[in-house]
Amino acid sequence: MSEIPAREPDYRFTLANERTFLAWQRTSLGLLAASVALMHFQPFAPVFSRAVATTLGVLAITTAAGGLTRWRSNDRAIRADRPLPRPRLATVTAVAMSGVAASIVLVAAVS
């Protein structure tokens, strides 16, 4: 019995998935740039700046790796004509960035 070849998905879905992947990589690059800038300029207390810069660096790594993982799982789902997996990366990024922003605002208000 011959195997039926897999049908290629609509290219628009594949390209949209790729654009989303590239957006996550841009986000990661922006976070990394912010981390490096904060380490270089240290506008606040050095210990606080290093902590925030480290958090942003870890978040940059997380978004880069998570974007790749998300692209792969979405690509598999698109090719298998299954529903897309629920996104978790956006929630992680939003919560982490909210924490970073809140800590910066708090330090700026106290200074």
N, C-alpha and C. Protein backbone atom coordinates (compact mmCIF):
# COMPACT_ATOMS: atom_id res chain seq x y z
N MET A 1 0.84 -1.17 0.00
CA MET A 1 0.00 0.00 0.00
C MET A 1 0.89 1.24 0.00
N SER A 2 0.67 2.14 -0.94
CA SER A 2 1.50 3.34 -1.03
C SER A 2 1.00 4.42 -0.06
N GLU A 3 1.96 5.15 0.45
CA GLU A 3 1.61 6.21 1.38
C GLU A 3 1.20 7.47 0.62
N ILE A 4 0.16 8.13 1.07
CA ILE A 4 -0.31 9.36 0.43
C ILE A 4 0.63 10.49 0.85
N PRO A 5 1.19 11.21 -0.12
CA PRO A 5 2.11 12.29 0.25
C PRO A 5 1.38 13.39 1.02
N ALA A 6 2.09 13.99 1.96
CA ALA A 6 1.50 15.07 2.76
C ALA A 6 1.25 16.28 1.87
N ARG A 7 0.12 16.88 2.07
CA ARG A 7 -0.25 18.07 1.30
C ARG A 7 0.37 19.29 1.99
N GLU A 8 0.99 20.15 1.20
CA GLU A 8 1.56 21.38 1.74
C GLU A 8 0.42 22.30 2.18
N PRO A 9 0.58 22.95 3.35
CA PRO A 9 -0.45 23.87 3.81
C PRO A 9 -0.45 25.14 2.95
N ASP A 10 -1.50 25.91 3.08
CA ASP A 10 -1.59 27.20 2.40
C ASP A 10 -0.37 28.03 2.80
N TYR A 11 0.36 28.53 1.82
CA TYR A 11 1.60 29.24 2.10
C TYR A 11 1.39 30.47 2.98
N ARG A 12 0.18 31.04 2.96
CA ARG A 12 -0.08 32.23 3.78
C ARG A 12 0.04 31.91 5.27
N PHE A 13 -0.40 30.71 5.66
CA PHE A 13 -0.28 30.33 7.07
C PHE A 13 1.18 30.14 7.46
N THR A 14 1.94 29.52 6.56
CA THR A 14 3.36 29.31 6.83
C THR A 14 4.10 30.64 6.94
N LEU A 15 3.79 31.57 6.04
CA LEU A 15 4.44 32.88 6.08
C LEU A 15 4.02 33.68 7.31
N ALA A 16 2.76 33.58 7.70
CA ALA A 16 2.30 34.28 8.91
C ALA A 16 3.01 33.73 10.14
N ASN A 17 3.19 32.42 10.18
CA ASN A 17 3.90 31.81 11.29
C ASN A 17 5.36 32.29 11.32
N GLU A 18 5.96 32.42 10.16
CA GLU A 18 7.34 32.90 10.08
C GLU A 18 7.44 34.36 10.52
N ARG A 19 6.47 35.19 10.13
CA ARG A 19 6.49 36.59 10.56
C ARG A 19 6.36 36.70 12.08
N THR A 20 5.55 35.84 12.67
CA THR A 20 5.41 35.85 14.12
C THR A 20 6.73 35.43 14.77
N PHE A 21 7.38 34.43 14.22
CA PHE A 21 8.70 34.01 14.73
C PHE A 21 9.69 35.17 14.67
N LEU A 22 9.73 35.87 13.55
CA LEU A 22 10.66 36.99 13.41
C LEU A 22 10.31 38.12 14.37
N ALA A 23 9.04 38.32 14.67
CA ALA A 23 8.65 39.34 15.65
C ALA A 23 9.18 38.98 17.04
N TRP A 24 9.13 37.69 17.40
CA TRP A 24 9.69 37.27 18.69
C TRP A 24 11.19 37.48 18.71
N GLN A 25 11.86 37.26 17.59
CA GLN A 25 13.31 37.46 17.54
C GLN A 25 13.64 38.95 17.65
N ARG A 26 12.82 39.81 17.04
CA ARG A 26 13.01 41.26 17.19
C ARG A 26 12.81 41.68 18.64
N THR A 27 11.81 41.11 19.28
CA THR A 27 11.57 41.40 20.69
C THR A 27 12.78 41.00 21.52
N SER A 28 13.30 39.82 21.25
CA SER A 28 14.47 39.34 21.97
C SER A 28 15.66 40.27 21.76
N LEU A 29 15.88 40.71 20.55
CA LEU A 29 16.98 41.62 20.25
C LEU A 29 16.80 42.95 20.98
N GLY A 30 15.58 43.46 21.03
CA GLY A 30 15.30 44.70 21.75
C GLY A 30 15.56 44.55 23.24
N LEU A 31 15.15 43.43 23.81
CA LEU A 31 15.40 43.18 25.22
C LEU A 31 16.90 43.08 25.51
N LEU A 32 17.62 42.42 24.63
CA LEU A 32 19.06 42.30 24.80
C LEU A 32 19.74 43.67 24.69
N ALA A 33 19.29 44.49 23.75
CA ALA A 33 19.85 45.84 23.61
C ALA A 33 19.58 46.67 24.87
N ALA A 34 18.38 46.55 25.42
CA ALA A 34 18.06 47.27 26.65
C ALA A 34 18.93 46.79 27.80
N SER A 35 19.17 45.50 27.86
CA SER A 35 20.02 44.94 28.91
C SER A 35 21.44 45.47 28.81
N VAL A 36 21.99 45.48 27.62
CA VAL A 36 23.36 45.97 27.41
C VAL A 36 23.43 47.47 27.72
N ALA A 37 22.44 48.23 27.28
CA ALA A 37 22.44 49.68 27.54
C ALA A 37 22.36 49.95 29.04
N LEU A 38 21.53 49.22 29.73
CA LEU A 38 21.40 49.41 31.18
C LEU A 38 22.70 49.06 31.89
N MET A 39 23.37 48.01 31.46
CA MET A 39 24.65 47.63 32.06
C MET A 39 25.72 48.69 31.78
N HIS A 40 25.64 49.30 30.61
CA HIS A 40 26.66 50.28 30.22
C HIS A 40 26.47 51.62 30.92
N PHE A 41 25.23 52.10 30.94
CA PHE A 41 24.98 53.44 31.46
C PHE A 41 24.63 53.47 32.95
N GLN A 42 24.00 52.46 33.48
CA GLN A 42 23.63 52.36 34.88
C GLN A 42 23.05 53.66 35.45
N PRO A 43 21.85 54.05 34.99
CA PRO A 43 21.28 55.32 35.46
C PRO A 43 20.83 55.28 36.92
N PHE A 44 20.58 54.10 37.45
CA PHE A 44 20.14 53.97 38.84
C PHE A 44 21.29 53.41 39.66
N ALA A 45 20.96 52.93 40.81
CA ALA A 45 21.95 52.27 41.66
C ALA A 45 22.56 51.10 40.89
N PRO A 46 23.88 50.92 40.97
CA PRO A 46 24.54 49.85 40.20
C PRO A 46 23.98 48.45 40.46
N VAL A 47 23.69 48.14 41.71
CA VAL A 47 23.17 46.80 42.03
C VAL A 47 21.79 46.61 41.39
N PHE A 48 20.95 47.62 41.51
CA PHE A 48 19.61 47.54 40.91
C PHE A 48 19.70 47.44 39.39
N SER A 49 20.58 48.26 38.79
CA SER A 49 20.74 48.24 37.33
C SER A 49 21.20 46.87 36.85
N ARG A 50 22.12 46.28 37.58
CA ARG A 50 22.59 44.94 37.18
C ARG A 50 21.48 43.90 37.31
N ALA A 51 20.68 44.02 38.35
CA ALA A 51 19.57 43.07 38.53
C ALA A 51 18.56 43.20 37.40
N VAL A 52 18.20 44.43 37.05
CA VAL A 52 17.24 44.64 35.95
C VAL A 52 17.86 44.21 34.63
N ALA A 53 19.13 44.55 34.40
CA ALA A 53 19.79 44.15 33.16
C ALA A 53 19.87 42.63 33.04
N THR A 54 20.14 41.95 34.13
CA THR A 54 20.18 40.48 34.12
C THR A 54 18.79 39.92 33.82
N THR A 55 17.77 40.49 34.43
CA THR A 55 16.40 40.05 34.16
C THR A 55 16.05 40.23 32.69
N LEU A 56 16.41 41.39 32.13
CA LEU A 56 16.14 41.63 30.71
C LEU A 56 16.93 40.67 29.82
N GLY A 57 18.16 40.36 30.20
CA GLY A 57 18.96 39.41 29.43
C GLY A 57 18.36 38.01 29.44
N VAL A 58 17.91 37.59 30.62
CA VAL A 58 17.26 36.27 30.72
C VAL A 58 15.97 36.26 29.91
N LEU A 59 15.23 37.36 29.96
CA LEU A 59 14.00 37.45 29.17
C LEU A 59 14.30 37.43 27.67
N ALA A 60 15.42 38.03 27.27
CA ALA A 60 15.82 37.99 25.86
C ALA A 60 16.09 36.56 25.42
N ILE A 61 16.79 35.81 26.25
CA ILE A 61 17.05 34.40 25.94
C ILE A 61 15.75 33.61 25.88
N THR A 62 14.87 33.88 26.84
CA THR A 62 13.59 33.17 26.89
C THR A 62 12.74 33.44 25.65
N THR A 63 12.67 34.71 25.23
CA THR A 63 11.85 35.02 24.05
C THR A 63 12.46 34.47 22.76
N ALA A 64 13.79 34.47 22.67
CA ALA A 64 14.43 33.91 21.46
C ALA A 64 14.17 32.41 21.37
N ALA A 65 14.42 31.70 22.46
CA ALA A 65 14.20 30.24 22.46
C ALA A 65 12.71 29.91 22.38
N GLY A 66 11.90 30.66 23.11
CA GLY A 66 10.45 30.41 23.09
C GLY A 66 9.84 30.70 21.74
N GLY A 67 10.35 31.72 21.04
CA GLY A 67 9.86 32.02 19.69
C GLY A 67 10.13 30.88 18.73
N LEU A 68 11.33 30.28 18.86
CA LEU A 68 11.66 29.14 18.01
C LEU A 68 10.78 27.94 18.34
N THR A 69 10.60 27.68 19.62
CA THR A 69 9.75 26.56 20.04
C THR A 69 8.32 26.76 19.55
N ARG A 70 7.83 27.99 19.70
CA ARG A 70 6.46 28.29 19.24
C ARG A 70 6.34 28.12 17.73
N TRP A 71 7.33 28.61 16.97
CA TRP A 71 7.29 28.46 15.52
C TRP A 71 7.23 26.99 15.12
N ARG A 72 8.07 26.16 15.76
CA ARG A 72 8.10 24.73 15.44
C ARG A 72 6.76 24.05 15.75
N SER A 73 6.22 24.32 16.93
CA SER A 73 4.96 23.65 17.30
C SER A 73 3.81 24.14 16.43
N ASN A 74 3.79 25.42 16.09
CA ASN A 74 2.75 25.92 15.18
C ASN A 74 2.91 25.32 13.78
N ASP A 75 4.16 25.20 13.32
CA ASP A 75 4.39 24.62 11.99
C ASP A 75 3.91 23.17 11.94
N ARG A 76 4.21 22.42 12.99
CA ARG A 76 3.73 21.03 13.04
C ARG A 76 2.20 20.98 13.01
N ALA A 77 1.57 21.85 13.79
CA ALA A 77 0.10 21.86 13.84
C ALA A 77 -0.50 22.27 12.49
N ILE A 78 0.09 23.27 11.85
CA ILE A 78 -0.41 23.72 10.54
C ILE A 78 -0.29 22.60 9.52
N ARG A 79 0.84 21.92 9.51
CA ARG A 79 1.07 20.85 8.53
C ARG A 79 0.19 19.63 8.79
N ALA A 80 -0.16 19.40 10.05
CA ALA A 80 -1.01 18.26 10.39
C ALA A 80 -2.50 18.63 10.40
N ASP A 81 -2.80 19.89 10.07
CA ASP A 81 -4.17 20.40 10.07
C ASP A 81 -4.85 20.21 11.43
N ARG A 82 -4.08 20.54 12.49
CA ARG A 82 -4.59 20.47 13.86
C ARG A 82 -4.71 21.89 14.39
N PRO A 83 -5.45 22.07 15.50
CA PRO A 83 -5.51 23.40 16.12
C PRO A 83 -4.13 23.81 16.63
N LEU A 84 -3.89 25.11 16.63
CA LEU A 84 -2.61 25.61 17.12
C LEU A 84 -2.54 25.47 18.64
N PRO A 85 -1.36 25.17 19.17
CA PRO A 85 -1.22 25.07 20.62
C PRO A 85 -1.44 26.43 21.28
N ARG A 86 -1.87 26.39 22.53
CA ARG A 86 -2.10 27.64 23.26
C ARG A 86 -0.78 28.35 23.52
N PRO A 87 -0.73 29.65 23.25
CA PRO A 87 0.52 30.38 23.48
C PRO A 87 0.74 30.68 24.96
N ARG A 88 1.94 30.40 25.45
CA ARG A 88 2.30 30.71 26.84
C ARG A 88 3.37 31.80 26.88
N LEU A 89 4.11 31.92 25.81
CA LEU A 89 5.24 32.85 25.78
C LEU A 89 4.80 34.30 25.97
N ALA A 90 3.69 34.68 25.38
CA ALA A 90 3.21 36.06 25.51
C ALA A 90 2.88 36.38 26.96
N THR A 91 2.31 35.44 27.67
CA THR A 91 1.98 35.65 29.08
C THR A 91 3.24 35.80 29.91
N VAL A 92 4.20 34.93 29.70
CA VAL A 92 5.47 35.00 30.43
C VAL A 92 6.15 36.34 30.18
N THR A 93 6.21 36.76 28.93
CA THR A 93 6.86 38.02 28.58
C THR A 93 6.14 39.21 29.21
N ALA A 94 4.81 39.21 29.12
CA ALA A 94 4.04 40.33 29.69
C ALA A 94 4.20 40.43 31.20
N VAL A 95 4.16 39.30 31.88
CA VAL A 95 4.31 39.30 33.35
C VAL A 95 5.72 39.77 33.73
N ALA A 96 6.72 39.27 33.04
CA ALA A 96 8.10 39.66 33.36
C ALA A 96 8.33 41.14 33.08
N MET A 97 7.85 41.63 31.95
CA MET A 97 8.04 43.04 31.62
C MET A 97 7.26 43.94 32.58
N SER A 98 6.10 43.50 33.02
CA SER A 98 5.35 44.27 34.02
C SER A 98 6.13 44.37 35.32
N GLY A 99 6.76 43.28 35.71
CA GLY A 99 7.58 43.29 36.92
C GLY A 99 8.77 44.22 36.79
N VAL A 100 9.43 44.18 35.65
CA VAL A 100 10.58 45.06 35.41
C VAL A 100 10.13 46.52 35.43
N ALA A 101 9.05 46.81 34.73
CA ALA A 101 8.55 48.19 34.67
C ALA A 101 8.14 48.68 36.07
N ALA A 102 7.46 47.84 36.82
CA ALA A 102 7.02 48.23 38.16
C ALA A 102 8.22 48.50 39.07
N SER A 103 9.26 47.69 38.97
CA SER A 103 10.43 47.91 39.82
C SER A 103 11.16 49.19 39.43
N ILE A 104 11.23 49.50 38.13
CA ILE A 104 11.88 50.74 37.68
C ILE A 104 11.09 51.95 38.17
N VAL A 105 9.77 51.89 38.05
CA VAL A 105 8.92 53.00 38.50
C VAL A 105 9.08 53.18 40.01
N LEU A 106 9.11 52.09 40.75
CA LEU A 106 9.26 52.16 42.19
C LEU A 106 10.59 52.82 42.58
N VAL A 107 11.66 52.40 41.94
CA VAL A 107 12.99 52.97 42.26
C VAL A 107 13.04 54.45 41.84
N ALA A 108 12.46 54.77 40.70
CA ALA A 108 12.45 56.16 40.25
C ALA A 108 11.62 57.04 41.19
N ALA A 109 10.54 56.52 41.74
CA ALA A 109 9.70 57.29 42.67
C ALA A 109 10.39 57.50 44.00
N VAL A 110 11.16 56.52 44.45
CA VAL A 110 11.84 56.62 45.73
C VAL A 110 13.08 57.51 45.64
N SER A 111 13.74 57.53 44.48
CA SER A 111 14.98 58.29 44.33
C SER A 111 14.73 59.78 44.36
